[in-house]
Amino acid sequence: MILKEKTALLVGATGLVGGHLLHILLEQPAYDKVKIFTRRNIQLDHPKLEQIVVDFDHLEQYVDHMHVDDVYCCLGTTIKKAGSKEAFRKVDFEYPLVMAKMAKQCGASKFLMVTSIGADSKSSFFYVQVKGDVEEEVKKVGLSSVHVFQPSLLLGSRSESRPRERAIMMVSPLIKLIARGKWSQYSPIQAKDVAEAMYRVGQSQRQGNHVYHYEQIMSK
C-alpha cells in the first residue's frame, strides 16, 4: 500500500508553543513536508522545512501555499507587545480567522489552534473576549475538523521578559497542587506539552469541533 504524502502548515513557529511544535513536526514521520508562514526566515535548516515569508496583513496573497493536509495555528501576542488593543485583535483574531478561511478554501483536513483558558466572547475582559470571538468565528467557517487548545499559563523559556509571568511560574507548583477537579483546567502547563498534544490530535481522525483543556492536553 502506498501511503499518501502529507504536508503540514504551521503559523506562529517562533512562539512558545509553535517553536516546540515545529521541531516535533520535523522530527516525527507523519509529514513529508512542513511549511511555515513567518515574517522573516528563521535560522533552521531541515530537508522537510519550507519557509514562506509573508505579509500577515495580506495573507490572501499566499493562498497557493495553503494546499496542505493540516493547519496548525499558534499565533498569539499580548496587548503590551502588540502596542494596542487593535493590534492585539489583529494578531489573535483577524489572522487566525483568515487562515481558517483559506484552509477551508484549499481543502485542509484539520485546523488546530491555540487560544486561552476562559475564552468567552461575552466576557468583559478584552483578552479572553477576543479569544472567544476567534473560536466562534473559526467554528463557523465550516471546516470538517477544528481542534481548539485552551491552556492556562504557558511555562517555558521566552525570548522576551514577562515579570508577572515569571512570578506566577515561581508559585506554579502550588497552583497545580490546589487546582483540583473543575479547577484543574487553570493549572499552568508546559508549552511543550501543548505542542505534543496538538501533534497527537493532528494524527487522529476526529471530525467536528473539539476543545481541549488541561486534563485533555495532558492525556497521552
Protein backbone atom coordinates (compact mmCIF):
# COMPACT_ATOMS: atom_id res chain seq x y z
CA MET A 1 0.00 0.00 0.00
CA ILE A 2 1.34 3.42 -0.99
CA LEU A 3 0.81 5.97 1.76
CA LYS A 4 -0.25 9.47 0.79
CA GLU A 5 2.40 12.09 1.37
CA LYS A 6 1.20 14.63 3.90
CA THR A 7 2.00 18.31 4.37
CA ALA A 8 1.51 20.43 7.48
CA LEU A 9 1.39 24.21 7.66
CA LEU A 10 2.42 25.90 10.89
CA VAL A 11 1.74 29.56 11.65
CA GLY A 12 3.41 31.03 14.72
CA ALA A 13 6.56 28.92 14.62
CA THR A 14 8.61 31.47 16.58
CA GLY A 15 6.24 31.48 19.58
CA LEU A 16 6.48 29.43 22.75
CA VAL A 17 4.16 26.61 21.64
CA GLY A 18 4.91 26.99 17.94
CA GLY A 19 8.65 26.63 18.46
CA HIS A 20 8.21 23.28 20.17
CA LEU A 21 5.62 22.17 17.64
CA LEU A 22 7.88 22.98 14.70
CA HIS A 23 10.57 20.62 15.96
CA ILE A 24 8.00 17.89 16.62
CA LEU A 25 6.54 18.20 13.12
CA LEU A 26 10.00 17.99 11.59
CA GLU A 27 11.21 15.11 13.75
CA GLN A 28 8.13 12.89 13.57
CA PRO A 29 7.37 10.86 10.42
CA ALA A 30 3.72 11.86 9.93
CA TYR A 31 4.51 14.68 7.49
CA ASP A 32 6.75 14.63 4.44
CA LYS A 33 6.78 18.44 4.25
CA VAL A 34 6.33 21.15 6.86
CA LYS A 35 5.57 24.68 5.70
CA ILE A 36 5.72 27.71 7.96
CA PHE A 37 4.36 31.21 7.43
CA THR A 38 6.80 33.64 9.01
CA ARG A 39 7.58 37.35 8.99
CA ARG A 40 11.26 36.58 8.47
CA ASN A 41 13.35 33.48 7.82
CA ILE A 42 14.33 31.60 10.95
CA GLN A 43 17.77 30.08 11.42
CA LEU A 44 16.82 26.48 10.86
CA ASP A 45 17.69 24.17 8.00
CA HIS A 46 15.84 20.88 7.54
CA PRO A 47 15.03 18.86 4.40
CA LYS A 48 11.30 18.79 5.27
CA LEU A 49 11.05 22.50 6.03
CA GLU A 50 9.76 25.15 3.63
CA GLN A 51 9.76 28.72 4.92
CA ILE A 52 7.35 31.20 3.34
CA VAL A 53 7.98 34.82 4.33
CA VAL A 54 4.59 36.53 4.34
CA ASP A 55 2.93 39.87 4.96
CA PHE A 56 0.30 38.88 7.52
CA ASP A 57 -1.83 41.86 6.59
CA HIS A 58 -2.24 40.35 3.12
CA LEU A 59 -2.43 36.63 3.83
CA GLU A 60 -4.79 36.03 0.91
CA GLN A 61 -1.84 36.57 -1.44
CA TYR A 62 -0.32 33.30 -0.23
CA VAL A 63 -3.31 31.04 -0.80
CA ASP A 64 -1.32 28.86 -3.23
CA HIS A 65 0.73 27.67 -0.25
CA MET A 66 -2.40 26.56 1.61
CA HIS A 67 -2.91 23.29 -0.26
CA VAL A 68 -1.90 21.23 2.75
CA ASP A 69 -3.42 18.47 4.87
CA ASP A 70 -3.36 20.03 8.34
CA VAL A 71 -3.01 23.62 9.56
CA TYR A 72 -1.55 24.35 13.00
CA CYS A 73 -2.19 27.91 14.19
CA CYS A 74 -0.10 29.04 17.17
CA LEU A 75 -0.44 32.78 16.63
CA GLY A 76 -0.72 34.91 19.74
CA THR A 77 0.63 38.02 21.37
CA THR A 78 -0.06 40.37 24.28
CA ILE A 79 -1.58 43.83 24.26
CA LYS A 80 1.70 45.20 25.63
CA LYS A 81 3.78 43.59 22.90
CA ALA A 82 1.28 44.41 20.14
CA GLY A 83 1.10 48.03 21.25
CA SER A 84 -2.68 48.45 21.31
CA LYS A 85 -5.93 46.55 21.62
CA GLU A 86 -6.49 46.95 17.89
CA ALA A 87 -3.09 45.46 17.04
CA PHE A 88 -3.65 42.63 19.51
CA ARG A 89 -7.02 41.78 17.95
CA LYS A 90 -5.42 41.73 14.50
CA VAL A 91 -2.91 39.05 15.56
CA ASP A 92 -5.20 36.98 17.76
CA PHE A 93 -8.46 37.29 15.84
CA GLU A 94 -8.07 38.50 12.26
CA TYR A 95 -5.02 36.46 11.21
CA PRO A 96 -6.25 33.09 12.58
CA LEU A 97 -9.69 33.64 11.03
CA VAL A 98 -8.19 34.41 7.63
CA MET A 99 -6.03 31.28 7.95
CA ALA A 100 -9.10 29.18 8.75
CA LYS A 101 -11.00 30.52 5.73
CA MET A 102 -8.03 29.83 3.46
CA ALA A 103 -7.70 26.32 4.92
CA LYS A 104 -11.37 25.68 4.13
CA GLN A 105 -10.97 27.08 0.61
CA CYS A 106 -8.00 24.83 -0.09
CA GLY A 107 -9.45 21.66 1.41
CA ALA A 108 -7.33 21.18 4.53
CA SER A 109 -8.39 18.21 6.63
CA LYS A 110 -7.79 19.74 10.06
CA PHE A 111 -7.39 23.16 11.66
CA LEU A 112 -5.75 23.15 15.08
CA MET A 113 -5.35 26.37 17.06
CA VAL A 114 -4.25 27.66 20.47
CA THR A 115 -6.42 30.16 22.34
CA SER A 116 -6.69 30.50 26.12
CA ILE A 117 -8.47 29.13 29.15
CA GLY A 118 -11.60 31.12 29.84
CA ALA A 119 -12.11 32.14 26.21
CA ASP A 120 -15.54 33.79 26.13
CA SER A 121 -16.90 36.16 23.52
CA LYS A 122 -19.28 37.61 26.13
CA SER A 123 -16.58 38.38 28.68
CA SER A 124 -15.89 41.95 29.78
CA PHE A 125 -12.18 41.04 29.89
CA PHE A 126 -10.85 42.04 26.47
CA TYR A 127 -8.17 39.33 26.20
CA VAL A 128 -10.48 36.34 26.72
CA GLN A 129 -13.25 38.08 24.77
CA VAL A 130 -11.04 38.16 21.68
CA LYS A 131 -10.08 34.52 22.23
CA GLY A 132 -13.75 33.61 22.46
CA ASP A 133 -14.57 35.63 19.35
CA VAL A 134 -11.97 33.86 17.24
CA GLU A 135 -13.10 30.43 18.44
CA GLU A 136 -16.71 31.16 17.50
CA GLU A 137 -15.86 32.58 14.09
CA VAL A 138 -13.43 29.80 13.16
CA LYS A 139 -16.07 27.21 14.02
CA LYS A 140 -18.50 28.98 11.65
CA VAL A 141 -16.09 28.65 8.71
CA GLY A 142 -17.28 25.10 8.08
CA LEU A 143 -14.06 23.12 8.35
CA SER A 144 -14.67 19.43 8.87
CA SER A 145 -12.27 19.17 11.80
CA VAL A 146 -11.42 22.02 14.22
CA HIS A 147 -9.41 21.47 17.40
CA VAL A 148 -9.05 24.30 19.92
CA PHE A 149 -6.49 24.10 22.72
CA GLN A 150 -7.18 26.28 25.76
CA PRO A 151 -4.11 26.26 28.02
CA SER A 152 -3.78 28.36 31.15
CA LEU A 153 -0.40 29.97 31.90
CA LEU A 154 2.21 28.61 29.50
CA LEU A 155 5.50 27.60 31.06
CA GLY A 156 8.79 27.70 29.16
CA SER A 157 11.66 29.94 28.15
CA ARG A 158 10.57 33.09 26.35
CA SER A 159 12.77 35.47 24.39
CA GLU A 160 11.03 38.50 25.92
CA SER A 161 10.80 39.38 29.59
CA ARG A 162 7.42 38.98 31.31
CA PRO A 163 7.94 39.73 35.04
CA ARG A 164 4.35 38.91 36.03
CA GLU A 165 4.54 35.50 34.35
CA ARG A 166 7.92 34.77 35.97
CA ALA A 167 6.37 35.45 39.37
CA ILE A 168 3.46 33.12 38.66
CA MET A 169 5.84 30.45 37.38
CA MET A 170 7.65 30.50 40.72
CA VAL A 171 4.45 29.52 42.52
CA SER A 172 3.10 27.26 39.77
CA PRO A 173 3.80 24.06 41.77
CA LEU A 174 1.48 25.42 44.49
CA ILE A 175 -1.15 26.35 41.91
CA LYS A 176 -1.06 22.82 40.49
CA LEU A 177 -1.39 21.42 44.00
CA ILE A 178 -4.60 23.32 44.75
CA ALA A 179 -6.06 23.22 41.20
CA ARG A 180 -8.13 20.06 41.53
CA GLY A 181 -11.34 18.86 39.95
CA LYS A 182 -13.05 21.51 37.84
CA TRP A 183 -10.23 23.93 38.69
CA SER A 184 -7.57 21.71 37.10
CA GLN A 185 -8.05 23.50 33.78
CA TYR A 186 -6.39 26.55 35.34
CA SER A 187 -3.16 24.67 36.09
CA PRO A 188 -0.02 26.15 34.48
CA ILE A 189 1.23 23.93 31.69
CA GLN A 190 4.47 23.46 29.79
CA ALA A 191 4.30 24.81 26.25
CA LYS A 192 5.98 21.61 25.07
CA ASP A 193 3.06 19.58 26.45
CA VAL A 194 0.60 21.70 24.46
CA ALA A 195 2.68 21.23 21.31
CA GLU A 196 2.82 17.47 21.83
CA ALA A 197 -0.95 17.35 22.32
CA MET A 198 -1.53 19.33 19.13
CA TYR A 199 0.60 16.91 17.16
CA ARG A 200 -1.11 13.91 18.76
CA VAL A 201 -4.59 15.23 17.99
CA GLY A 202 -3.43 16.13 14.50
CA GLN A 203 -2.92 12.45 13.81
CA SER A 204 -6.42 11.49 14.93
CA GLN A 205 -9.43 11.13 12.67
CA ARG A 206 -11.84 13.10 14.90
CA GLN A 207 -14.33 15.19 12.97
CA GLY A 208 -16.27 18.21 14.17
CA ASN A 209 -15.34 20.91 16.69
CA HIS A 210 -13.38 19.96 19.82
CA VAL A 211 -11.95 21.91 22.77
CA TYR A 212 -9.07 20.71 24.95
CA HIS A 213 -8.31 21.89 28.50
CA TYR A 214 -5.50 20.92 30.85
CA GLU A 215 -6.57 17.33 31.52
CA GLN A 216 -7.27 16.58 27.85
CA ILE A 217 -3.97 18.16 26.80
CA MET A 218 -2.05 16.11 29.35
CA SER A 219 -3.84 12.88 28.42
CA LYS A 220 -1.45 10.68 26.46
